[in-house]
Amino acid sequence: LRGAFLAEFDNEVGVKVSTQAPGDAVGASLVMALSGMLVPRAELMGHVLSTAVGSETVLTVAAMLQGPQYARNGMIFSVGLVLGFDCDADEVAGGGGTRS
């Protein structure tokens, strides 16, 4: 495990990493490469998604909270793990991961 992060969709700036550990787990270039996984189509919300980016494997799960207290009546966020490239993402995800 190289890191963990929480990303969210901000209505003004788009996808942003809200928190991460360690502090350099997810750089701006990785966020750009993962933007489609961090805010996926509605049918992919709640599913474990995985992809290889450079020397890393990234697993994410996105969700949306709905309610009038959120801008546009919803808050989209994603939780992710950054793994070493030699890790088998399907094994970590319990065999249900989607490889892209």
PDB file of N, CA and C in Angstrom:
ATOM      1  N   LEU A   1       0.852  -1.182   0.000  1.00  0.00           N
ATOM      2  CA  LEU A   1       0.000   0.000   0.000  1.00  0.00           C
ATOM      3  C   LEU A   1       0.889   1.233   0.000  1.00  0.00           C
ATOM      4  N   ARG A   2       0.744   2.045  -1.023  1.00  0.00           N
ATOM      5  CA  ARG A   2       1.541   3.275  -1.121  1.00  0.00           C
ATOM      6  C   ARG A   2       0.800   4.487  -0.589  1.00  0.00           C
ATOM      7  N   GLY A   3      -0.533   4.418  -0.530  1.00  0.00           N
ATOM      8  CA  GLY A   3      -1.278   5.555  -0.016  1.00  0.00           C
ATOM      9  C   GLY A   3      -2.771   5.355  -0.120  1.00  0.00           C
ATOM     10  N   ALA A   4      -3.500   6.270   0.516  1.00  0.00           N
ATOM     11  CA  ALA A   4      -4.961   6.285   0.488  1.00  0.00           C
ATOM     12  C   ALA A   4      -5.402   7.733   0.315  1.00  0.00           C
ATOM     13  N   PHE A   5      -6.573   7.915  -0.290  1.00  0.00           N
ATOM     14  CA  PHE A   5      -7.029   9.285  -0.511  1.00  0.00           C
ATOM     15  C   PHE A   5      -8.551   9.370  -0.538  1.00  0.00           C
ATOM     16  N   LEU A   6      -9.037  10.583  -0.332  1.00  0.00           N
ATOM     17  CA  LEU A   6     -10.439  10.933  -0.477  1.00  0.00           C
ATOM     18  C   LEU A   6     -10.491  12.077  -1.476  1.00  0.00           C
ATOM     19  N   ALA A   7     -11.219  11.891  -2.560  1.00  0.00           N
ATOM     20  CA  ALA A   7     -11.378  12.935  -3.571  1.00  0.00           C
ATOM     21  C   ALA A   7     -12.851  13.306  -3.647  1.00  0.00           C
ATOM     22  N   GLU A   8     -13.112  14.530  -4.044  1.00  0.00           N
ATOM     23  CA  GLU A   8     -14.496  14.954  -4.205  1.00  0.00           C
ATOM     24  C   GLU A   8     -14.622  15.876  -5.407  1.00  0.00           C
ATOM     25  N   PHE A   9     -15.848  15.988  -5.904  1.00  0.00           N
ATOM     26  CA  PHE A   9     -16.099  16.906  -7.003  1.00  0.00           C
ATOM     27  C   PHE A   9     -16.499  18.241  -6.415  1.00  0.00           C
ATOM     28  N   ASP A  10     -15.715  19.257  -6.716  1.00  0.00           N
ATOM     29  CA  ASP A  10     -15.989  20.627  -6.283  1.00  0.00           C
ATOM     30  C   ASP A  10     -16.622  21.356  -7.454  1.00  0.00           C
ATOM     31  N   ASN A  11     -17.761  21.999  -7.239  1.00  0.00           N
ATOM     32  CA  ASN A  11     -18.493  22.647  -8.324  1.00  0.00           C
ATOM     33  C   ASN A  11     -17.722  23.789  -8.973  1.00  0.00           C
ATOM     34  N   GLU A  12     -16.720  24.327  -8.290  1.00  0.00           N
ATOM     35  CA  GLU A  12     -15.947  25.432  -8.849  1.00  0.00           C
ATOM     36  C   GLU A  12     -14.646  24.979  -9.501  1.00  0.00           C
ATOM     37  N   VAL A  13     -13.972  23.976  -8.946  1.00  0.00           N
ATOM     38  CA  VAL A  13     -12.660  23.575  -9.469  1.00  0.00           C
ATOM     39  C   VAL A  13     -12.645  22.177 -10.083  1.00  0.00           C
ATOM     40  N   GLY A  14     -13.718  21.437  -9.973  1.00  0.00           N
ATOM     41  CA  GLY A  14     -13.758  20.074 -10.508  1.00  0.00           C
ATOM     42  C   GLY A  14     -13.274  19.072  -9.474  1.00  0.00           C
ATOM     43  N   VAL A  15     -12.622  18.006  -9.931  1.00  0.00           N
ATOM     44  CA  VAL A  15     -12.165  16.951  -9.030  1.00  0.00           C
ATOM     45  C   VAL A  15     -10.964  17.438  -8.241  1.00  0.00           C
ATOM     46  N   LYS A  16     -11.010  17.237  -6.918  1.00  0.00           N
ATOM     47  CA  LYS A  16      -9.873  17.610  -6.071  1.00  0.00           C
ATOM     48  C   LYS A  16      -9.696  16.564  -4.984  1.00  0.00           C
ATOM     49  N   VAL A  17      -8.452  16.377  -4.571  1.00  0.00           N
ATOM     50  CA  VAL A  17      -8.144  15.456  -3.475  1.00  0.00           C
ATOM     51  C   VAL A  17      -8.301  16.232  -2.176  1.00  0.00           C
ATOM     52  N   SER A  18      -9.222  15.790  -1.336  1.00  0.00           N
ATOM     53  CA  SER A  18      -9.504  16.476  -0.073  1.00  0.00           C
ATOM     54  C   SER A  18      -8.497  16.110   1.001  1.00  0.00           C
ATOM     55  N   THR A  19      -8.127  14.837   1.039  1.00  0.00           N
ATOM     56  CA  THR A  19      -7.147  14.380   2.016  1.00  0.00           C
ATOM     57  C   THR A  19      -6.443  13.145   1.456  1.00  0.00           C
ATOM     58  N   GLN A  20      -5.208  12.950   1.904  1.00  0.00           N
ATOM     59  CA  GLN A  20      -4.437  11.799   1.461  1.00  0.00           C
ATOM     60  C   GLN A  20      -3.373  11.456   2.493  1.00  0.00           C
ATOM     61  N   ALA A  21      -2.991  10.201   2.509  1.00  0.00           N
ATOM     62  CA  ALA A  21      -1.933   9.754   3.413  1.00  0.00           C
ATOM     63  C   ALA A  21      -1.097   8.718   2.682  1.00  0.00           C
ATOM     64  N   PRO A  22       0.204   8.860   2.632  1.00  0.00           N
ATOM     65  CA  PRO A  22       0.941  10.038   3.078  1.00  0.00           C
ATOM     66  C   PRO A  22       0.597  11.255   2.213  1.00  0.00           C
ATOM     67  N   GLY A  23       1.088  12.398   2.614  1.00  0.00           N
ATOM     68  CA  GLY A  23       0.735  13.669   1.978  1.00  0.00           C
ATOM     69  C   GLY A  23       1.045  13.774   0.503  1.00  0.00           C
ATOM     70  N   ASP A  24       1.888  12.914  -0.019  1.00  0.00           N
ATOM     71  CA  ASP A  24       2.237  12.960  -1.442  1.00  0.00           C
ATOM     72  C   ASP A  24       1.756  11.716  -2.195  1.00  0.00           C
ATOM     73  N   ALA A  25       0.746  11.045  -1.674  1.00  0.00           N
ATOM     74  CA  ALA A  25       0.263   9.791  -2.281  1.00  0.00           C
ATOM     75  C   ALA A  25      -0.331  10.010  -3.664  1.00  0.00           C
ATOM     76  N   VAL A  26      -0.985  11.152  -3.874  1.00  0.00           N
ATOM     77  CA  VAL A  26      -1.670  11.421  -5.142  1.00  0.00           C
ATOM     78  C   VAL A  26      -1.265  12.804  -5.635  1.00  0.00           C
ATOM     79  N   GLY A  27      -0.529  12.840  -6.720  1.00  0.00           N
ATOM     80  CA  GLY A  27      -0.135  14.106  -7.323  1.00  0.00           C
ATOM     81  C   GLY A  27      -1.173  14.591  -8.321  1.00  0.00           C
ATOM     82  N   ALA A  28      -0.998  15.819  -8.796  1.00  0.00           N
ATOM     83  CA  ALA A  28      -1.945  16.415  -9.743  1.00  0.00           C
ATOM     84  C   ALA A  28      -2.044  15.598 -11.029  1.00  0.00           C
ATOM     85  N   SER A  29      -0.926  15.044 -11.493  1.00  0.00           N
ATOM     86  CA  SER A  29      -0.966  14.271 -12.739  1.00  0.00           C
ATOM     87  C   SER A  29      -1.768  12.984 -12.565  1.00  0.00           C
ATOM     88  N   LEU A  30      -1.692  12.378 -11.385  1.00  0.00           N
ATOM     89  CA  LEU A  30      -2.464  11.164 -11.126  1.00  0.00           C
ATOM     90  C   LEU A  30      -3.955  11.492 -11.050  1.00  0.00           C
ATOM     91  N   VAL A  31      -4.304  12.619 -10.441  1.00  0.00           N
ATOM     92  CA  VAL A  31      -5.710  13.032 -10.367  1.00  0.00           C
ATOM     93  C   VAL A  31      -6.263  13.233 -11.774  1.00  0.00           C
ATOM     94  N   MET A  32      -5.490  13.881 -12.646  1.00  0.00           N
ATOM     95  CA  MET A  32      -5.940  14.091 -14.026  1.00  0.00           C
ATOM     96  C   MET A  32      -6.142  12.754 -14.738  1.00  0.00           C
ATOM     97  N   ALA A  33      -5.221  11.816 -14.536  1.00  0.00           N
ATOM     98  CA  ALA A  33      -5.318  10.504 -15.181  1.00  0.00           C
ATOM     99  C   ALA A  33      -6.513   9.707 -14.663  1.00  0.00           C
ATOM    100  N   LEU A  34      -6.909   9.956 -13.413  1.00  0.00           N
ATOM    101  CA  LEU A  34      -7.977   9.185 -12.776  1.00  0.00           C
ATOM    102  C   LEU A  34      -9.332   9.876 -12.778  1.00  0.00           C
ATOM    103  N   SER A  35      -9.445  11.048 -13.364  1.00  0.00           N
ATOM    104  CA  SER A  35     -10.674  11.832 -13.214  1.00  0.00           C
ATOM    105  C   SER A  35     -11.932  11.055 -13.594  1.00  0.00           C
ATOM    106  N   GLY A  36     -11.859  10.209 -14.617  1.00  0.00           N
ATOM    107  CA  GLY A  36     -13.024   9.404 -15.005  1.00  0.00           C
ATOM    108  C   GLY A  36     -13.390   8.343 -13.990  1.00  0.00           C
ATOM    109  N   MET A  37     -12.426   7.915 -13.169  1.00  0.00           N
ATOM    110  CA  MET A  37     -12.694   6.940 -12.115  1.00  0.00           C
ATOM    111  C   MET A  37     -13.142   7.621 -10.832  1.00  0.00           C
ATOM    112  N   LEU A  38     -12.686   8.841 -10.616  1.00  0.00           N
ATOM    113  CA  LEU A  38     -13.026   9.545  -9.376  1.00  0.00           C
ATOM    114  C   LEU A  38     -14.455  10.079  -9.425  1.00  0.00           C
ATOM    115  N   VAL A  39     -14.920  10.417 -10.610  1.00  0.00           N
ATOM    116  CA  VAL A  39     -16.303  10.844 -10.818  1.00  0.00           C
ATOM    117  C   VAL A  39     -16.838  10.037 -11.999  1.00  0.00           C
ATOM    118  N   PRO A  40     -17.184   8.769 -11.760  1.00  0.00           N
ATOM    119  CA  PRO A  40     -17.607   7.890 -12.858  1.00  0.00           C
ATOM    120  C   PRO A  40     -19.071   8.087 -13.243  1.00  0.00           C
ATOM    121  N   ARG A  41     -19.463   7.427 -14.315  1.00  0.00           N
ATOM    122  CA  ARG A  41     -20.873   7.411 -14.713  1.00  0.00           C
ATOM    123  C   ARG A  41     -21.706   6.841 -13.561  1.00  0.00           C
ATOM    124  N   ALA A  42     -22.962   7.196 -13.526  1.00  0.00           N
ATOM    125  CA  ALA A  42     -23.852   6.793 -12.430  1.00  0.00           C
ATOM    126  C   ALA A  42     -23.877   5.282 -12.221  1.00  0.00           C
ATOM    127  N   GLU A  43     -23.850   4.503 -13.296  1.00  0.00           N
ATOM    128  CA  GLU A  43     -23.943   3.049 -13.150  1.00  0.00           C
ATOM    129  C   GLU A  43     -22.688   2.432 -12.529  1.00  0.00           C
ATOM    130  N   LEU A  44     -21.587   3.186 -12.468  1.00  0.00           N
ATOM    131  CA  LEU A  44     -20.364   2.671 -11.852  1.00  0.00           C
ATOM    132  C   LEU A  44     -20.191   3.113 -10.394  1.00  0.00           C
ATOM    133  N   MET A  45     -21.063   3.981  -9.913  1.00  0.00           N
ATOM    134  CA  MET A  45     -21.002   4.417  -8.507  1.00  0.00           C
ATOM    135  C   MET A  45     -21.198   3.200  -7.609  1.00  0.00           C
ATOM    136  N   GLY A  46     -20.404   3.105  -6.568  1.00  0.00           N
ATOM    137  CA  GLY A  46     -20.522   2.014  -5.624  1.00  0.00           C
ATOM    138  C   GLY A  46     -19.777   0.750  -6.015  1.00  0.00           C
ATOM    139  N   HIS A  47     -19.161   0.730  -7.179  1.00  0.00           N
ATOM    140  CA  HIS A  47     -18.388  -0.421  -7.636  1.00  0.00           C
ATOM    141  C   HIS A  47     -16.896  -0.145  -7.476  1.00  0.00           C
ATOM    142  N   VAL A  48     -16.138  -1.189  -7.189  1.00  0.00           N
ATOM    143  CA  VAL A  48     -14.679  -1.058  -7.108  1.00  0.00           C
ATOM    144  C   VAL A  48     -14.137  -0.992  -8.528  1.00  0.00           C
ATOM    145  N   LEU A  49     -13.402   0.084  -8.828  1.00  0.00           N
ATOM    146  CA  LEU A  49     -12.768   0.258 -10.128  1.00  0.00           C
ATOM    147  C   LEU A  49     -11.265   0.199  -9.927  1.00  0.00           C
ATOM    148  N   SER A  50     -10.557  -0.368 -10.881  1.00  0.00           N
ATOM    149  CA  SER A  50      -9.093  -0.424 -10.770  1.00  0.00           C
ATOM    150  C   SER A  50      -8.466  -0.091 -12.105  1.00  0.00           C
ATOM    151  N   THR A  51      -7.276   0.476 -12.039  1.00  0.00           N
ATOM    152  CA  THR A  51      -6.522   0.781 -13.245  1.00  0.00           C
ATOM    153  C   THR A  51      -5.041   0.871 -12.900  1.00  0.00           C
ATOM    154  N   ALA A  52      -4.206   0.669 -13.894  1.00  0.00           N
ATOM    155  CA  ALA A  52      -2.764   0.831 -13.734  1.00  0.00           C
ATOM    156  C   ALA A  52      -2.394   2.195 -14.302  1.00  0.00           C
ATOM    157  N   VAL A  53      -1.662   2.967 -13.510  1.00  0.00           N
ATOM    158  CA  VAL A  53      -1.171   4.280 -13.931  1.00  0.00           C
ATOM    159  C   VAL A  53       0.312   4.318 -13.635  1.00  0.00           C
ATOM    160  N   GLY A  54       1.118   4.327 -14.685  1.00  0.00           N
ATOM    161  CA  GLY A  54       2.564   4.309 -14.483  1.00  0.00           C
ATOM    162  C   GLY A  54       2.970   3.049 -13.739  1.00  0.00           C
ATOM    163  N   SER A  55       3.648   3.219 -12.622  1.00  0.00           N
ATOM    164  CA  SER A  55       4.118   2.071 -11.831  1.00  0.00           C
ATOM    165  C   SER A  55       3.182   1.733 -10.676  1.00  0.00           C
ATOM    166  N   GLU A  56       1.940   2.227 -10.733  1.00  0.00           N
ATOM    167  CA  GLU A  56       1.020   2.030  -9.617  1.00  0.00           C
ATOM    168  C   GLU A  56      -0.315   1.445 -10.085  1.00  0.00           C
ATOM    169  N   THR A  57      -0.962   0.731  -9.194  1.00  0.00           N
ATOM    170  CA  THR A  57      -2.322   0.262  -9.403  1.00  0.00           C
ATOM    171  C   THR A  57      -3.200   1.060  -8.451  1.00  0.00           C
ATOM    172  N   VAL A  58      -4.306   1.583  -8.956  1.00  0.00           N
ATOM    173  CA  VAL A  58      -5.196   2.411  -8.144  1.00  0.00           C
ATOM    174  C   VAL A  58      -6.571   1.767  -8.100  1.00  0.00           C
ATOM    175  N   LEU A  59      -7.119   1.629  -6.883  1.00  0.00           N
ATOM    176  CA  LEU A  59      -8.483   1.142  -6.663  1.00  0.00           C
ATOM    177  C   LEU A  59      -9.316   2.307  -6.155  1.00  0.00           C
ATOM    178  N   THR A  60     -10.519   2.477  -6.675  1.00  0.00           N
ATOM    179  CA  THR A  60     -11.398   3.538  -6.203  1.00  0.00           C
ATOM    180  C   THR A  60     -12.830   3.022  -6.084  1.00  0.00           C
ATOM    181  N   VAL A  61     -13.588   3.667  -5.203  1.00  0.00           N
ATOM    182  CA  VAL A  61     -15.030   3.460  -5.086  1.00  0.00           C
ATOM    183  C   VAL A  61     -15.645   4.841  -4.948  1.00  0.00           C
ATOM    184  N   ALA A  62     -16.568   5.179  -5.838  1.00  0.00           N
ATOM    185  CA  ALA A  62     -17.222   6.486  -5.803  1.00  0.00           C
ATOM    186  C   ALA A  62     -18.649   6.344  -5.289  1.00  0.00           C
ATOM    187  N   ALA A  63     -19.136   7.421  -4.683  1.00  0.00           N
ATOM    188  CA  ALA A  63     -20.507   7.449  -4.172  1.00  0.00           C
ATOM    189  C   ALA A  63     -21.051   8.868  -4.293  1.00  0.00           C
ATOM    190  N   MET A  64     -22.356   8.995  -4.181  1.00  0.00           N
ATOM    191  CA  MET A  64     -22.989  10.310  -4.216  1.00  0.00           C
ATOM    192  C   MET A  64     -23.992  10.422  -3.080  1.00  0.00           C
ATOM    193  N   LEU A  65     -23.833  11.481  -2.293  1.00  0.00           N
ATOM    194  CA  LEU A  65     -24.807  11.807  -1.251  1.00  0.00           C
ATOM    195  C   LEU A  65     -25.760  12.825  -1.850  1.00  0.00           C
ATOM    196  N   GLN A  66     -27.064  12.616  -1.676  1.00  0.00           N
ATOM    197  CA  GLN A  66     -28.027  13.534  -2.246  1.00  0.00           C
ATOM    198  C   GLN A  66     -28.777  14.265  -1.155  1.00  0.00           C
ATOM    199  N   GLY A  67     -29.106  15.530  -1.419  1.00  0.00           N
ATOM    200  CA  GLY A  67     -29.876  16.319  -0.478  1.00  0.00           C
ATOM    201  C   GLY A  67     -29.801  17.782  -0.819  1.00  0.00           C
ATOM    202  N   PRO A  68     -30.755  18.549  -0.348  1.00  0.00           N
ATOM    203  CA  PRO A  68     -30.801  19.980  -0.668  1.00  0.00           C
ATOM    204  C   PRO A  68     -29.660  20.789  -0.037  1.00  0.00           C
ATOM    205  N   GLN A  69     -28.968  20.222   0.952  1.00  0.00           N
ATOM    206  CA  GLN A  69     -27.869  20.944   1.596  1.00  0.00           C
ATOM    207  C   GLN A  69     -26.616  21.000   0.728  1.00  0.00           C
ATOM    208  N   TYR A  70     -26.573  20.227  -0.362  1.00  0.00           N
ATOM    209  CA  TYR A  70     -25.412  20.202  -1.258  1.00  0.00           C
ATOM    210  C   TYR A  70     -25.678  21.041  -2.499  1.00  0.00           C
ATOM    211  N   ALA A  71     -24.625  21.659  -3.011  1.00  0.00           N
ATOM    212  CA  ALA A  71     -24.739  22.363  -4.285  1.00  0.00           C
ATOM    213  C   ALA A  71     -25.166  21.342  -5.334  1.00  0.00           C
ATOM    214  N   ARG A  72     -26.051  21.724  -6.211  1.00  0.00           N
ATOM    215  CA  ARG A  72     -26.597  20.830  -7.243  1.00  0.00           C
ATOM    216  C   ARG A  72     -27.284  19.606  -6.636  1.00  0.00           C
ATOM    217  N   ASN A  73     -27.668  19.688  -5.365  1.00  0.00           N
ATOM    218  CA  ASN A  73     -28.395  18.631  -4.652  1.00  0.00           C
ATOM    219  C   ASN A  73     -27.638  17.318  -4.531  1.00  0.00           C
ATOM    220  N   GLY A  74     -26.314  17.358  -4.642  1.00  0.00           N
ATOM    221  CA  GLY A  74     -25.540  16.129  -4.490  1.00  0.00           C
ATOM    222  C   GLY A  74     -24.069  16.388  -4.264  1.00  0.00           C
ATOM    223  N   MET A  75     -23.430  15.504  -3.512  1.00  0.00           N
ATOM    224  CA  MET A  75     -21.990  15.566  -3.290  1.00  0.00           C
ATOM    225  C   MET A  75     -21.392  14.253  -3.777  1.00  0.00           C
ATOM    226  N   ILE A  76     -20.515  14.328  -4.769  1.00  0.00           N
ATOM    227  CA  ILE A  76     -19.857  13.144  -5.316  1.00  0.00           C
ATOM    228  C   ILE A  76     -18.465  13.053  -4.715  1.00  0.00           C
ATOM    229  N   PHE A  77     -18.138  11.880  -4.185  1.00  0.00           N
ATOM    230  CA  PHE A  77     -16.804  11.679  -3.623  1.00  0.00           C
ATOM    231  C   PHE A  77     -16.323  10.276  -3.950  1.00  0.00           C
ATOM    232  N   SER A  78     -15.023  10.079  -3.802  1.00  0.00           N
ATOM    233  CA  SER A  78     -14.404   8.808  -4.130  1.00  0.00           C
ATOM    234  C   SER A  78     -13.312   8.513  -3.112  1.00  0.00           C
ATOM    235  N   VAL A  79     -13.247   7.271  -2.683  1.00  0.00           N
ATOM    236  CA  VAL A  79     -12.197   6.805  -1.775  1.00  0.00           C
ATOM    237  C   VAL A  79     -11.296   5.887  -2.588  1.00  0.00           C
ATOM    238  N   GLY A  80      -9.984   6.067  -2.428  1.00  0.00           N
ATOM    239  CA  GLY A  80      -9.085   5.257  -3.237  1.00  0.00           C
ATOM    240  C   GLY A  80      -7.848   4.787  -2.505  1.00  0.00           C
ATOM    241  N   LEU A  81      -7.256   3.727  -3.037  1.00  0.00           N
ATOM    242  CA  LEU A  81      -5.991   3.183  -2.552  1.00  0.00           C
ATOM    243  C   LEU A  81      -4.997   3.187  -3.706  1.00  0.00           C
ATOM    244  N   VAL A  82      -3.772   3.586  -3.415  1.00  0.00           N
ATOM    245  CA  VAL A  82      -2.688   3.540  -4.392  1.00  0.00           C
ATOM    246  C   VAL A  82      -1.795   2.380  -3.982  1.00  0.00           C
ATOM    247  N   LEU A  83      -1.655   1.407  -4.883  1.00  0.00           N
ATOM    248  CA  LEU A  83      -0.904   0.189  -4.594  1.00  0.00           C
ATOM    249  C   LEU A  83       0.315   0.110  -5.499  1.00  0.00           C
ATOM    250  N   GLY A  84       1.289  -0.688  -5.096  1.00  0.00           N
ATOM    251  CA  GLY A  84       2.430  -0.949  -5.957  1.00  0.00           C
ATOM    252  C   GLY A  84       1.977  -1.689  -7.194  1.00  0.00           C
ATOM    253  N   PHE A  85       2.654  -1.497  -8.317  1.00  0.00           N
ATOM    254  CA  PHE A  85       2.254  -2.094  -9.588  1.00  0.00           C
ATOM    255  C   PHE A  85       2.252  -3.617  -9.542  1.00  0.00           C
ATOM    256  N   ASP A  86       3.078  -4.196  -8.681  1.00  0.00           N
ATOM    257  CA  ASP A  86       3.152  -5.650  -8.612  1.00  0.00           C
ATOM    258  C   ASP A  86       1.983  -6.278  -7.855  1.00  0.00           C
ATOM    259  N   CYS A  87       1.063  -5.457  -7.335  1.00  0.00           N
ATOM    260  CA  CYS A  87      -0.100  -5.945  -6.600  1.00  0.00           C
ATOM    261  C   CYS A  87      -1.180  -6.370  -7.583  1.00  0.00           C
ATOM    262  N   ASP A  88      -1.888  -7.442  -7.296  1.00  0.00           N
ATOM    263  CA  ASP A  88      -2.991  -7.914  -8.118  1.00  0.00           C
ATOM    264  C   ASP A  88      -4.278  -7.228  -7.652  1.00  0.00           C
ATOM    265  N   ALA A  89      -4.763  -6.259  -8.432  1.00  0.00           N
ATOM    266  CA  ALA A  89      -5.930  -5.468  -8.043  1.00  0.00           C
ATOM    267  C   ALA A  89      -7.170  -6.330  -7.869  1.00  0.00           C
ATOM    268  N   ASP A  90      -7.350  -7.368  -8.704  1.00  0.00           N
ATOM    269  CA  ASP A  90      -8.521  -8.238  -8.562  1.00  0.00           C
ATOM    270  C   ASP A  90      -8.491  -8.981  -7.232  1.00  0.00           C
ATOM    271  N   GLU A  91      -7.297  -9.371  -6.791  1.00  0.00           N
ATOM    272  CA  GLU A  91      -7.177 -10.065  -5.511  1.00  0.00           C
ATOM    273  C   GLU A  91      -7.535  -9.124  -4.356  1.00  0.00           C
ATOM    274  N   VAL A  92      -7.052  -7.894  -4.396  1.00  0.00           N
ATOM    275  CA  VAL A  92      -7.348  -6.918  -3.346  1.00  0.00           C
ATOM    276  C   VAL A  92      -8.834  -6.571  -3.333  1.00  0.00           C
ATOM    277  N   ALA A  93      -9.435  -6.457  -4.510  1.00  0.00           N
ATOM    278  CA  ALA A  93     -10.852  -6.057  -4.619  1.00  0.00           C
ATOM    279  C   ALA A  93     -11.798  -7.240  -4.434  1.00  0.00           C
ATOM    280  N   GLY A  94     -11.292  -8.396  -4.131  1.00  0.00           N
ATOM    281  CA  GLY A  94     -12.145  -9.552  -3.933  1.00  0.00           C
ATOM    282  C   GLY A  94     -12.635 -10.160  -5.236  1.00  0.00           C
ATOM    283  N   GLY A  95     -11.876  -9.915  -6.321  1.00  0.00           N
ATOM    284  CA  GLY A  95     -12.229 -10.518  -7.601  1.00  0.00           C
ATOM    285  C   GLY A  95     -13.288  -9.776  -8.373  1.00  0.00           C
ATOM    286  N   GLY A  96     -13.849  -8.691  -7.806  1.00  0.00           N
ATOM    287  CA  GLY A  96     -14.929  -7.979  -8.495  1.00  0.00           C
ATOM    288  C   GLY A  96     -14.500  -6.691  -9.134  1.00  0.00           C
ATOM    289  N   GLY A  97     -13.200  -6.424  -9.216  1.00  0.00           N
ATOM    290  CA  GLY A  97     -12.717  -5.172  -9.773  1.00  0.00           C
ATOM    291  C   GLY A  97     -12.918  -5.087 -11.277  1.00  0.00           C
ATOM    292  N   THR A  98     -12.999  -3.859 -11.773  1.00  0.00           N
ATOM    293  CA  THR A  98     -13.095  -3.625 -13.198  1.00  0.00           C
ATOM    294  C   THR A  98     -11.774  -3.055 -13.659  1.00  0.00           C
ATOM    295  N   ARG A  99     -11.103  -3.736 -14.524  1.00  0.00           N
ATOM    296  CA  ARG A  99      -9.788  -3.306 -15.006  1.00  0.00           C
ATOM    297  C   ARG A  99      -9.996  -2.424 -16.217  1.00  0.00           C
ATOM    298  N   SER A 100      -9.401  -1.227 -16.216  1.00  0.00           N
ATOM    299  CA  SER A 100      -9.543  -0.350 -17.378  1.00  0.00           C
ATOM    300  C   SER A 100      -8.201   0.021 -17.930  1.00  0.00           C
TER     301      SER A 100
END
